[in-house]
Amino acid sequence: MEAEDLFQKCDPIVKDLYTALLQKVWAFGPVRVEVKKSSLHVVNHAAFLGIHPKKGYLDINIVSETEIDDTRVVSVEQVSARRFHNRFRLTRITDINAALVSLLRRAYDFL
């Protein structure tokens, strides 16, 4: 399966969001994208970002040491003693702002 396959049934904005998000993440340094059954994992040393394409939006999980205190967090899952998956829903390009990029950078540095 290729990354493109996950966007087949999505609105065009979803692919645009994915592309814009990756452009920001690539600026941090070396990363690789692992294609899963219904998502993508962006990996530095370990996966620090999960990307879940949906029909009209992009859900992302930012991995962190603590729960992220941000009004845009849709849900939080504690997956281990020091790992949290903080889910954000992106619906427009402006959602990928400096504050979100800062959170992504912290996750990249964490893992």
Protein backbone atom coordinates (compact mmCIF):
# COMPACT_ATOMS: atom_id res chain seq x y z
CA MET A 1 0.00 0.00 0.00
CA GLU A 2 1.16 3.50 -0.83
CA ALA A 3 0.42 6.73 1.04
CA GLU A 4 -1.62 7.93 -1.96
CA ASP A 5 -4.04 5.03 -1.49
CA LEU A 6 -5.22 6.48 1.82
CA PHE A 7 -6.41 9.66 0.08
CA GLN A 8 -8.47 8.01 -2.68
CA LYS A 9 -11.87 8.75 -1.10
CA CYS A 10 -10.92 12.01 0.60
CA ASP A 11 -11.85 15.54 -0.35
CA PRO A 12 -8.92 17.40 -2.02
CA ILE A 13 -8.35 19.53 1.11
CA VAL A 14 -7.27 16.42 3.03
CA LYS A 15 -4.32 15.77 0.68
CA ASP A 16 -3.48 19.50 0.79
CA LEU A 17 -3.41 19.38 4.59
CA TYR A 18 -1.16 16.32 4.53
CA THR A 19 1.26 17.97 2.10
CA ALA A 20 1.39 21.21 4.11
CA LEU A 21 1.92 19.28 7.35
CA LEU A 22 4.78 17.24 5.90
CA GLN A 23 6.47 20.37 4.56
CA LYS A 24 6.60 21.75 8.10
CA VAL A 25 7.85 18.46 9.57
CA TRP A 26 10.57 17.95 6.93
CA ALA A 27 12.12 21.25 8.09
CA PHE A 28 12.92 19.64 11.47
CA GLY A 29 15.37 17.13 10.01
CA PRO A 30 15.31 13.57 8.74
CA VAL A 31 11.98 11.75 8.98
CA ARG A 32 10.37 8.84 7.25
CA VAL A 33 6.70 8.11 6.63
CA GLU A 34 5.47 4.59 7.34
CA VAL A 35 2.24 3.59 5.64
CA LYS A 36 -0.13 1.58 7.84
CA LYS A 37 -3.53 0.07 7.00
CA SER A 38 -5.54 3.26 7.55
CA SER A 39 -2.96 5.80 8.70
CA LEU A 40 0.58 7.07 8.31
CA HIS A 41 3.27 7.30 10.99
CA VAL A 42 5.90 10.00 10.78
CA VAL A 43 9.07 8.71 12.39
CA ASN A 44 12.27 10.29 13.67
CA HIS A 45 13.75 7.62 15.95
CA ALA A 46 10.21 6.49 16.79
CA ALA A 47 6.79 7.58 15.57
CA PHE A 48 6.06 11.08 16.86
CA LEU A 49 3.09 11.86 14.65
CA GLY A 50 0.16 9.75 13.49
CA ILE A 51 -1.82 10.95 10.48
CA HIS A 52 -5.35 9.66 9.88
CA PRO A 53 -6.95 10.83 6.61
CA LYS A 54 -10.75 11.09 6.77
CA LYS A 55 -13.21 12.09 4.06
CA GLY A 56 -13.26 15.82 4.83
CA TYR A 57 -10.51 16.36 7.41
CA LEU A 58 -7.21 15.11 8.75
CA ASP A 59 -6.89 13.76 12.27
CA ILE A 60 -3.38 13.80 13.70
CA ASN A 61 -1.98 12.31 16.90
CA ILE A 62 0.96 14.16 18.38
CA VAL A 63 3.00 12.04 20.77
CA SER A 64 4.17 13.77 23.96
CA GLU A 65 5.44 13.10 27.47
CA THR A 66 2.43 14.81 29.02
CA GLU A 67 -1.09 15.70 28.03
CA ILE A 68 -1.05 18.75 25.75
CA ASP A 69 -3.09 21.60 27.20
CA ASP A 70 -4.58 23.14 24.07
CA THR A 71 -8.19 23.93 23.22
CA ARG A 72 -7.74 22.26 19.82
CA VAL A 73 -7.08 18.84 21.36
CA VAL A 74 -10.05 16.62 20.51
CA SER A 75 -9.01 13.72 22.75
CA VAL A 76 -6.04 12.36 24.67
CA GLU A 77 -5.01 8.76 25.15
CA GLN A 78 -2.34 7.82 27.67
CA VAL A 79 -0.56 4.88 26.03
CA SER A 80 2.15 4.38 28.67
CA ALA A 81 3.49 6.03 31.80
CA ARG A 82 5.28 8.76 29.82
CA ARG A 83 3.50 8.71 26.45
CA PHE A 84 0.33 10.46 25.39
CA HIS A 85 -1.41 10.60 22.02
CA ASN A 86 -3.02 14.03 21.65
CA ARG A 87 -5.54 14.09 18.79
CA PHE A 88 -6.10 17.23 16.73
CA ARG A 89 -8.53 17.64 13.84
CA LEU A 90 -7.30 19.71 10.89
CA THR A 91 -9.91 21.08 8.49
CA ARG A 92 -8.14 24.00 6.81
CA ILE A 93 -4.58 24.98 5.98
CA THR A 94 -4.60 27.77 8.58
CA ASP A 95 -4.91 25.08 11.28
CA ILE A 96 -1.23 24.36 10.62
CA ASN A 97 -0.05 27.46 12.43
CA ALA A 98 3.06 28.34 14.46
CA ALA A 99 1.60 26.92 17.68
CA LEU A 100 0.89 23.54 16.06
CA VAL A 101 4.33 23.47 14.41
CA SER A 102 5.89 24.14 17.82
CA LEU A 103 4.03 21.14 19.29
CA LEU A 104 5.17 19.01 16.37
CA ARG A 105 8.77 20.13 16.90
CA ARG A 106 8.61 19.14 20.57
CA ALA A 107 7.28 15.73 19.59
CA TYR A 108 10.06 15.33 17.00
CA ASP A 109 12.69 16.20 19.62
CA PHE A 110 11.02 13.92 22.22
CA LEU A 111 11.20 10.88 19.97
